[in-house]
Amino acid sequence: MKKISEKTVDYSVYRNGTTYLGTASVDLPSIEFLSETIKGAGIAGEMESPTIGHTSAMSLTINWRTVTPEAVGLIAPESHALDFRAVVQVYDPTKGEYNTVQEKISVRAMPKSLSIGKLEAGATMDSSNEFSVNYLKILHDGKEVLEIDKINYVFRVNGKDYLANIKTQLGL
């Protein structure tokens, strides 16, 4: 029987794989294919046709409780390698017990903005960094489930690269 994935137990935010960035909440990228509306002879109306492996711009936001040196450092106009390491709680109904699995989401991203937030006594500052993401990789329990590398023409889901044949045909 399948295990039921329930929730994130906790997670950590790292830069360059080793530098712990602190306490934050993260709005992860949304993946949306580029598409065209197709209509014409042989089609009863219109339909959306997604383009294989080509996605719209992806963005990521890290929300901080206060302005930190780490948050300010992420506005540097360079590519930032960020890792979000999470532990996910799963329930095994056959054994009637909880277990955990590791999730790791890695991105390479360029800064778009830094919101310093607000000052108010006894309250969080609510600062945030927003990034443009050009690389995304998700590992679930050590297994790669998704890799999008816009620069190197990779769109891999569960081990299958949907751009590999196109890349070969283009001579890339």
Protein backbone atom coordinates (compact mmCIF):
# COMPACT_ATOMS: atom_id res chain seq x y z
CA MET A 1 0.00 0.00 0.00
CA LYS A 2 1.15 3.52 -0.68
CA LYS A 3 2.35 5.88 2.00
CA ILE A 4 0.41 9.10 2.52
CA SER A 5 2.50 12.24 2.27
CA GLU A 6 1.10 14.63 4.89
CA LYS A 7 3.14 17.76 5.59
CA THR A 8 6.47 19.47 5.95
CA VAL A 9 7.90 18.83 9.41
CA ASP A 10 10.63 21.45 9.05
CA TYR A 11 13.11 22.83 6.55
CA SER A 12 16.31 24.81 6.22
CA VAL A 13 17.50 27.41 3.70
CA TYR A 14 21.12 27.26 2.46
CA ARG A 15 23.24 29.22 -0.02
CA ASN A 16 25.99 27.44 -1.98
CA GLY A 17 25.17 24.20 -0.19
CA THR A 18 26.79 25.14 3.11
CA THR A 19 25.83 28.63 4.31
CA TYR A 20 22.73 28.51 6.51
CA LEU A 21 20.60 31.56 5.72
CA GLY A 22 18.26 31.60 8.69
CA THR A 23 14.55 31.47 9.41
CA ALA A 24 12.32 32.20 6.45
CA SER A 25 9.21 31.12 4.61
CA VAL A 26 9.54 30.44 0.90
CA ASP A 27 7.15 30.86 -2.03
CA LEU A 28 8.46 28.25 -4.48
CA PRO A 29 8.31 28.59 -8.28
CA SER A 30 5.21 27.77 -10.28
CA ILE A 31 5.83 25.83 -13.48
CA GLU A 32 3.72 26.83 -16.46
CA PHE A 33 4.34 25.74 -20.03
CA LEU A 34 4.48 28.23 -22.86
CA SER A 35 1.43 27.55 -25.01
CA GLU A 36 -0.43 28.66 -28.11
CA THR A 37 -4.11 28.48 -28.92
CA ILE A 38 -4.59 26.14 -31.87
CA LYS A 39 -7.65 26.24 -34.12
CA GLY A 40 -8.49 25.32 -37.68
CA ALA A 41 -9.63 22.55 -39.96
CA GLY A 42 -10.07 19.23 -38.19
CA ILE A 43 -10.33 20.81 -34.71
CA ALA A 44 -13.74 21.42 -33.15
CA GLY A 45 -13.03 24.87 -31.77
CA GLU A 46 -9.84 25.87 -29.98
CA MET A 47 -7.34 24.07 -27.78
CA GLU A 48 -4.23 25.08 -25.89
CA SER A 49 -1.02 23.46 -27.13
CA PRO A 50 1.82 23.51 -24.57
CA THR A 51 5.36 23.66 -25.99
CA ILE A 52 7.40 20.63 -24.91
CA GLY A 53 9.85 21.53 -22.14
CA HIS A 54 9.49 25.31 -22.50
CA THR A 55 8.24 27.13 -19.43
CA SER A 56 7.27 30.66 -18.56
CA ALA A 57 9.56 32.67 -16.32
CA MET A 58 9.79 31.15 -12.84
CA SER A 59 10.15 33.22 -9.70
CA LEU A 60 10.85 32.49 -6.06
CA THR A 61 10.35 34.63 -2.97
CA ILE A 62 12.05 34.22 0.40
CA ASN A 63 10.19 35.97 3.22
CA TRP A 64 12.23 36.96 6.29
CA ARG A 65 11.09 38.00 9.75
CA THR A 66 13.78 40.69 9.91
CA VAL A 67 16.40 42.17 7.61
CA THR A 68 19.51 40.03 7.96
CA PRO A 69 22.99 40.33 6.46
CA GLU A 70 22.20 37.11 4.57
CA ALA A 71 19.04 38.61 3.05
CA VAL A 72 20.86 41.76 2.02
CA GLY A 73 23.70 39.70 0.52
CA LEU A 74 21.22 37.98 -1.79
CA ILE A 75 20.62 41.24 -3.66
CA ALA A 76 24.15 41.01 -5.12
CA PRO A 77 23.72 40.92 -8.94
CA GLU A 78 24.98 37.38 -9.42
CA SER A 79 23.53 33.90 -9.69
CA HIS A 80 22.72 32.43 -6.28
CA ALA A 81 22.64 28.67 -5.65
CA LEU A 82 19.93 28.11 -3.05
CA ASP A 83 18.90 24.83 -1.40
CA PHE A 84 15.69 24.24 0.52
CA ARG A 85 16.07 21.05 2.55
CA ALA A 86 12.83 19.75 3.96
CA VAL A 87 11.67 16.79 5.98
CA VAL A 88 8.22 15.53 4.97
CA GLN A 89 6.01 13.48 7.26
CA VAL A 90 4.43 10.40 5.66
CA TYR A 91 1.93 7.96 7.11
CA ASP A 92 2.19 4.22 6.40
CA PRO A 93 -1.36 2.85 6.77
CA THR A 94 -0.26 -0.80 6.60
CA LYS A 95 1.95 -0.38 9.68
CA GLY A 96 -0.07 2.42 11.28
CA GLU A 97 3.02 4.56 11.79
CA TYR A 98 4.61 7.83 10.75
CA ASN A 99 7.91 8.10 8.92
CA THR A 100 9.82 10.94 7.32
CA VAL A 101 11.44 11.44 3.93
CA GLN A 102 13.85 14.09 2.74
CA GLU A 103 12.90 16.66 0.09
CA LYS A 104 15.53 18.90 -1.44
CA ILE A 105 14.67 21.73 -3.79
CA SER A 106 17.65 23.41 -5.44
CA VAL A 107 17.55 26.54 -7.57
CA ARG A 108 19.93 28.85 -9.33
CA ALA A 109 18.43 32.29 -9.32
CA MET A 110 19.16 35.93 -10.09
CA PRO A 111 17.89 38.61 -7.69
CA LYS A 112 14.96 40.73 -8.84
CA SER A 113 14.24 42.69 -5.68
CA LEU A 114 14.82 43.14 -1.95
CA SER A 115 11.98 44.51 0.15
CA ILE A 116 13.42 45.75 3.45
CA GLY A 117 9.96 45.61 5.04
CA LYS A 118 8.60 47.78 7.82
CA LEU A 119 9.50 48.87 11.31
CA GLU A 120 6.98 48.43 14.09
CA ALA A 121 7.62 47.81 17.77
CA GLY A 122 7.11 44.19 18.78
CA ALA A 123 6.47 43.02 15.20
CA THR A 124 8.32 41.28 12.40
CA MET A 125 9.84 43.42 9.67
CA ASP A 126 8.49 41.20 6.88
CA SER A 127 11.39 41.71 4.51
CA SER A 128 11.72 39.58 1.36
CA ASN A 129 13.92 38.71 -1.60
CA GLU A 130 12.45 37.92 -5.01
CA PHE A 131 14.39 35.95 -7.64
CA SER A 132 14.18 34.92 -11.26
CA VAL A 133 14.81 31.15 -11.40
CA ASN A 134 16.58 29.60 -14.39
CA TYR A 135 17.40 26.21 -12.79
CA LEU A 136 15.22 24.01 -10.59
CA LYS A 137 15.82 20.50 -9.26
CA ILE A 138 13.65 18.48 -6.87
CA LEU A 139 14.91 15.39 -5.06
CA HIS A 140 12.42 13.26 -3.14
CA ASP A 141 13.95 10.75 -0.72
CA GLY A 142 17.23 11.04 -2.67
CA LYS A 143 15.61 10.40 -6.09
CA GLU A 144 15.49 13.10 -8.76
CA VAL A 145 11.87 13.76 -9.72
CA LEU A 146 12.25 17.05 -11.63
CA GLU A 147 15.05 19.04 -13.24
CA ILE A 148 14.55 22.17 -15.32
CA ASP A 149 17.71 23.78 -16.67
CA LYS A 150 16.73 26.51 -19.10
CA ILE A 151 20.30 27.42 -20.08
CA ASN A 152 21.39 23.82 -20.80
CA TYR A 153 18.09 22.80 -22.45
CA VAL A 154 16.98 20.17 -19.92
CA PHE A 155 13.41 19.34 -18.85
CA ARG A 156 13.58 16.03 -16.98
CA VAL A 157 10.66 14.43 -15.12
CA ASN A 158 11.26 11.16 -13.23
CA GLY A 159 14.42 10.49 -15.23
CA LYS A 160 13.05 11.24 -18.71
CA ASP A 161 14.45 14.33 -20.44
CA TYR A 162 11.70 15.64 -22.70
CA LEU A 163 14.11 17.99 -24.49
CA ALA A 164 16.87 15.43 -25.21
CA ASN A 165 15.57 14.49 -28.67
CA ILE A 166 14.91 18.12 -29.61
CA LYS A 167 18.38 19.10 -28.39
CA THR A 168 19.91 16.38 -30.61
CA GLN A 169 17.81 17.47 -33.60
CA LEU A 170 19.01 21.06 -33.12
CA GLY A 171 22.64 19.92 -32.92
CA LEU A 172 23.05 21.26 -29.39
